[in-house]
Amino acid sequence: MSTSTGTIPRLRTAPPAETGAAARPAVPSDTAAPDRRDPLRMAAQLSPLLGLGLSIALVWWGLQTGVLQSLANLQAFIDSLGAWGPVAFLLASVASVVFPIVPAGLLVIAGPVLFGPLEGTVYNYLAVSAGSLLNFAIARHVGLGLIERLFRRRTLEKFLGWTRSGHFTRAFALAIALPVAPDDLLCYIAGTTRMRWRTYVLIILLCKPWALIAYGLGVSALVLRVLPW
C-alpha cells in the first residue's frame, strides 16, 4: 500500500501575549485586500492633491491681491482679521494634524511668520497638542481599522513594529521631541496600545515644544531669509 508524500500545511500560531504599556496591537493582515471603493480610504489618498490645489489657490490669490508681495502686507492682512485670524489658524492646524489635507508641517512654519516667533509658537503648541490628543482619543475608541484606511500599509507596518518593543514609550517620547518622525501616525498608533492617558498627555505636553521650536522657528527663519521680502 502506498502512502501519501504530500506535506502537511503548517498552521500559523498566534504570538504570545505581550505585557507592559505598549502591548502590540493587531497587525494588519497581509492577505486582506483593501477595498479601494472605501470613501474614507479614497479621501485619504486624494487629500494631498486637495491640499496642494488649495495651497496653489491661496498663493495665487495672495499674489493677485498683493497680500503676499511683502511680509508687512501679509501681517497687515492677518491683523485686519482681528481675533478670527488666530481662530482660523488654530482650527486649520488642528484639522491638519487629525486629517492631513494640508501638511501640518507647513502650518507649523507659517505660525511664526504670520504671528511672530513667540505668539506663533504658542499657537502651534496649542493646535498641535490638541490635534495629537484627538488622534489618541480617536484611535483608542475606533481602533486600528481606521488607521489602516488613513495611512499606507507599508508605512503603518513599519511603525507598528515599534510597539513590539518594551521600550515603545521611550521611543515614542523621543520621536515626539524630535521633528524626524510622522508624529500624527505615531499618535494614532499609541492610541491602540496600553499606554495610559496620563503618560500620553505628559509626553505630548512636555516633549512637543522642542520639536516645534526646532522646526517651526528654525525653518521659518530660513524661509524669511530666502523669500524676497
Protein backbone atom coordinates (compact mmCIF):
# COMPACT_ATOMS: atom_id res chain seq x y z
CA MET A 1 0.00 0.00 0.00
CA SER A 2 1.42 3.38 -1.00
CA THR A 3 1.41 6.31 1.38
CA SER A 4 0.98 9.99 0.54
CA THR A 5 4.15 12.02 0.40
CA GLY A 6 2.42 15.42 0.39
CA THR A 7 3.44 17.91 3.03
CA ILE A 8 1.07 18.82 5.81
CA PRO A 9 0.33 22.55 5.83
CA ARG A 10 1.64 24.28 8.93
CA LEU A 11 -0.79 26.28 10.99
CA ARG A 12 0.17 29.78 11.98
CA THR A 13 0.21 30.07 15.73
CA ALA A 14 -0.60 33.28 17.49
CA PRO A 15 2.34 35.02 19.16
CA PRO A 16 2.42 35.10 22.94
CA ALA A 17 0.62 37.99 24.53
CA GLU A 18 2.88 40.82 25.49
CA THR A 19 2.79 42.69 28.74
CA GLY A 20 3.54 46.28 29.61
CA ALA A 21 2.24 49.64 28.48
CA ALA A 22 2.99 49.02 24.82
CA ALA A 23 1.43 45.66 24.11
CA ARG A 24 1.32 45.06 20.38
CA PRO A 25 -1.91 45.87 18.56
CA ALA A 26 -3.22 43.58 15.89
CA VAL A 27 -1.04 43.80 12.78
CA PRO A 28 -2.95 44.26 9.54
CA SER A 29 -3.38 41.04 7.62
CA ASP A 30 -1.18 40.79 4.54
CA THR A 31 -3.83 38.80 2.71
CA ALA A 32 -6.70 41.20 3.30
CA ALA A 33 -7.34 43.05 0.06
CA PRO A 34 -8.12 46.73 0.73
CA ASP A 35 -11.44 47.99 -0.50
CA ARG A 36 -10.44 50.72 -2.92
CA ARG A 37 -14.02 51.92 -3.08
CA ASP A 38 -13.94 52.79 0.61
CA PRO A 39 -14.85 56.51 0.78
CA LEU A 40 -12.53 57.19 3.72
CA ARG A 41 -9.60 55.46 2.04
CA MET A 42 -10.23 57.37 -1.18
CA ALA A 43 -10.44 60.65 0.76
CA ALA A 44 -7.12 59.91 2.49
CA GLN A 45 -5.46 59.18 -0.86
CA LEU A 46 -6.87 62.30 -2.53
CA SER A 47 -6.29 64.67 0.40
CA PRO A 48 -2.67 65.53 -0.56
CA LEU A 49 -3.85 66.59 -4.02
CA LEU A 50 -6.67 68.62 -2.48
CA GLY A 51 -4.21 70.28 -0.12
CA LEU A 52 -1.84 71.06 -2.98
CA GLY A 53 -4.66 72.60 -5.01
CA LEU A 54 -5.81 74.64 -2.04
CA SER A 55 -2.28 75.89 -1.39
CA ILE A 56 -1.81 76.90 -5.02
CA ALA A 57 -5.14 78.73 -5.00
CA LEU A 58 -4.22 80.63 -1.83
CA VAL A 59 -0.81 81.62 -3.21
CA TRP A 60 -2.42 82.80 -6.47
CA TRP A 61 -4.98 84.82 -4.52
CA GLY A 62 -2.28 86.31 -2.32
CA LEU A 63 -0.20 87.38 -5.31
CA GLN A 64 -3.19 88.86 -7.11
CA THR A 65 -4.35 90.88 -4.12
CA GLY A 66 -0.86 91.95 -3.04
CA VAL A 67 -1.08 90.17 0.32
CA LEU A 68 1.99 88.05 -0.48
CA GLN A 69 4.03 90.84 -2.03
CA SER A 70 5.74 91.58 1.27
CA LEU A 71 5.86 90.34 4.85
CA ALA A 72 4.39 93.65 6.01
CA ASN A 73 1.38 93.20 3.72
CA LEU A 74 0.83 89.66 4.94
CA GLN A 75 0.99 90.59 8.60
CA ALA A 76 -1.26 93.60 8.00
CA PHE A 77 -3.83 91.31 6.42
CA ILE A 78 -3.67 88.95 9.41
CA ASP A 79 -4.07 91.90 11.79
CA SER A 80 -7.12 93.07 9.82
CA LEU A 81 -8.87 89.78 10.60
CA GLY A 82 -8.76 90.53 14.32
CA ALA A 83 -9.49 87.52 16.53
CA TRP A 84 -10.63 85.50 13.50
CA GLY A 85 -7.04 85.25 12.26
CA PRO A 86 -5.73 83.19 15.19
CA VAL A 87 -9.00 81.23 15.42
CA ALA A 88 -8.84 80.23 11.75
CA PHE A 89 -5.17 79.30 12.09
CA LEU A 90 -5.81 77.18 15.18
CA LEU A 91 -8.74 75.33 13.59
CA ALA A 92 -6.79 74.68 10.38
CA SER A 93 -3.76 73.46 12.35
CA VAL A 94 -5.81 71.07 14.49
CA ALA A 95 -7.57 69.72 11.41
CA SER A 96 -4.26 69.19 9.60
CA VAL A 97 -3.00 67.03 12.48
CA VAL A 98 -6.12 64.85 12.62
CA PHE A 99 -6.67 64.57 8.87
CA PRO A 100 -3.73 65.95 6.86
CA ILE A 101 -5.37 67.72 3.94
CA VAL A 102 -2.61 70.31 4.22
CA PRO A 103 0.66 69.02 5.75
CA ALA A 104 0.83 70.14 9.38
CA GLY A 105 4.50 70.99 8.92
CA LEU A 106 3.62 73.85 6.57
CA LEU A 107 1.32 75.43 9.15
CA VAL A 108 3.97 74.99 11.86
CA ILE A 109 6.33 77.02 9.68
CA ALA A 110 3.61 79.57 8.91
CA GLY A 111 2.81 80.24 12.58
CA PRO A 112 5.92 82.30 13.44
CA VAL A 113 5.78 84.02 10.04
CA LEU A 114 2.16 85.12 10.45
CA PHE A 115 2.06 85.95 14.16
CA GLY A 116 5.68 86.44 15.21
CA PRO A 117 8.09 83.99 16.88
CA LEU A 118 6.52 83.92 20.35
CA GLU A 119 2.84 84.14 19.54
CA GLY A 120 3.18 81.85 16.52
CA THR A 121 4.99 79.19 18.54
CA VAL A 122 2.30 79.33 21.26
CA TYR A 123 -0.42 78.87 18.63
CA ASN A 124 1.48 75.97 17.12
CA TYR A 125 1.85 74.35 20.52
CA LEU A 126 -1.85 74.67 21.37
CA ALA A 127 -3.05 73.44 17.98
CA VAL A 128 -0.64 70.54 17.53
CA SER A 129 -1.12 69.36 21.12
CA ALA A 130 -4.91 69.46 20.74
CA GLY A 131 -4.72 67.57 17.44
CA SER A 132 -2.39 64.96 18.94
CA LEU A 133 -4.77 64.37 21.85
CA LEU A 134 -7.63 63.95 19.37
CA ASN A 135 -5.61 61.38 17.42
CA PHE A 136 -5.03 59.32 20.55
CA ALA A 137 -8.70 59.54 21.56
CA ILE A 138 -9.91 58.52 18.09
CA ALA A 139 -7.58 55.53 17.92
CA ARG A 140 -8.47 54.49 21.47
CA HIS A 141 -12.20 54.36 20.63
CA VAL A 142 -12.09 53.22 16.99
CA GLY A 143 -9.01 51.00 16.89
CA LEU A 144 -6.55 50.01 14.21
CA GLY A 145 -9.17 49.62 11.48
CA LEU A 146 -9.45 53.37 10.95
CA ILE A 147 -5.68 53.85 10.85
CA GLU A 148 -5.34 51.19 8.15
CA ARG A 149 -7.68 53.25 5.97
CA LEU A 150 -5.86 56.56 6.52
CA PHE A 151 -2.22 55.51 6.04
CA ARG A 152 -0.30 53.31 3.64
CA ARG A 153 0.06 49.69 4.74
CA ARG A 154 3.84 49.61 4.37
CA THR A 155 4.30 52.74 6.47
CA LEU A 156 1.84 51.51 9.08
CA GLU A 157 3.51 48.10 9.44
CA LYS A 158 6.92 49.76 9.78
CA PHE A 159 5.91 51.81 12.79
CA LEU A 160 3.70 49.11 14.30
CA GLY A 161 6.98 47.27 14.81
CA TRP A 162 7.88 49.88 17.43
CA THR A 163 5.02 48.68 19.63
CA ARG A 164 6.59 45.23 19.89
CA SER A 165 9.43 46.65 21.93
CA GLY A 166 9.23 47.04 25.68
CA HIS A 167 10.77 50.49 25.17
CA PHE A 168 7.97 51.84 22.97
CA THR A 169 7.06 54.59 25.44
CA ARG A 170 10.61 55.93 25.47
CA ALA A 171 10.93 55.69 21.69
CA PHE A 172 7.59 57.46 21.29
CA ALA A 173 8.63 60.30 23.61
CA LEU A 174 11.90 60.74 21.69
CA ALA A 175 10.06 60.79 18.35
CA ILE A 176 7.67 63.46 19.64
CA ALA A 177 10.55 65.61 20.89
CA LEU A 178 12.48 65.41 17.60
CA PRO A 179 10.95 66.55 14.28
CA VAL A 180 12.10 63.43 12.42
CA ALA A 181 9.14 61.03 12.57
CA PRO A 182 5.49 61.08 11.40
CA ASP A 183 4.03 62.30 14.69
CA ASP A 184 0.41 62.09 13.51
CA LEU A 185 0.69 58.39 12.67
CA LEU A 186 2.60 57.61 15.87
CA CYS A 187 -0.09 59.35 17.94
CA TYR A 188 -2.74 57.21 16.29
CA ILE A 189 -0.68 54.06 16.89
CA ALA A 190 -0.09 54.99 20.53
CA GLY A 191 -3.86 55.04 20.99
CA THR A 192 -4.04 51.34 20.04
CA THR A 193 -1.57 50.32 22.76
CA ARG A 194 -1.99 50.08 26.53
CA MET A 195 -0.32 53.43 27.09
CA ARG A 196 -2.18 55.35 29.76
CA TRP A 197 -3.82 58.68 29.05
CA ARG A 198 -1.74 60.35 31.75
CA THR A 199 1.51 59.11 30.24
CA TYR A 200 0.49 60.16 26.75
CA VAL A 201 -0.61 63.65 27.80
CA LEU A 202 2.64 64.23 29.69
CA ILE A 203 4.71 63.15 26.69
CA ILE A 204 2.80 65.46 24.33
CA LEU A 205 2.85 68.48 26.64
CA LEU A 206 6.49 68.11 27.70
CA CYS A 207 8.14 66.86 24.50
CA LYS A 208 6.20 68.59 21.74
CA PRO A 209 7.54 72.15 22.38
CA TRP A 210 11.11 71.16 21.49
CA ALA A 211 10.13 69.88 18.06
CA LEU A 212 8.01 72.95 17.40
CA ILE A 213 10.81 75.30 18.42
CA ALA A 214 13.44 73.48 16.35
CA TYR A 215 11.25 73.05 13.28
CA GLY A 216 8.86 75.99 13.42
CA LEU A 217 11.28 78.73 14.43
CA GLY A 218 14.28 77.31 12.60
CA VAL A 219 12.64 76.71 9.23
CA SER A 220 10.51 79.85 9.37
CA ALA A 221 13.64 81.96 9.95
CA LEU A 222 15.26 80.29 6.96
CA VAL A 223 12.16 80.90 4.83
CA LEU A 224 12.15 84.60 5.70
CA ARG A 225 15.77 84.89 4.62
CA VAL A 226 15.15 83.12 1.32
CA LEU A 227 11.94 84.91 0.34
CA PRO A 228 12.48 88.31 -1.35
CA TRP A 229 10.58 90.25 1.34
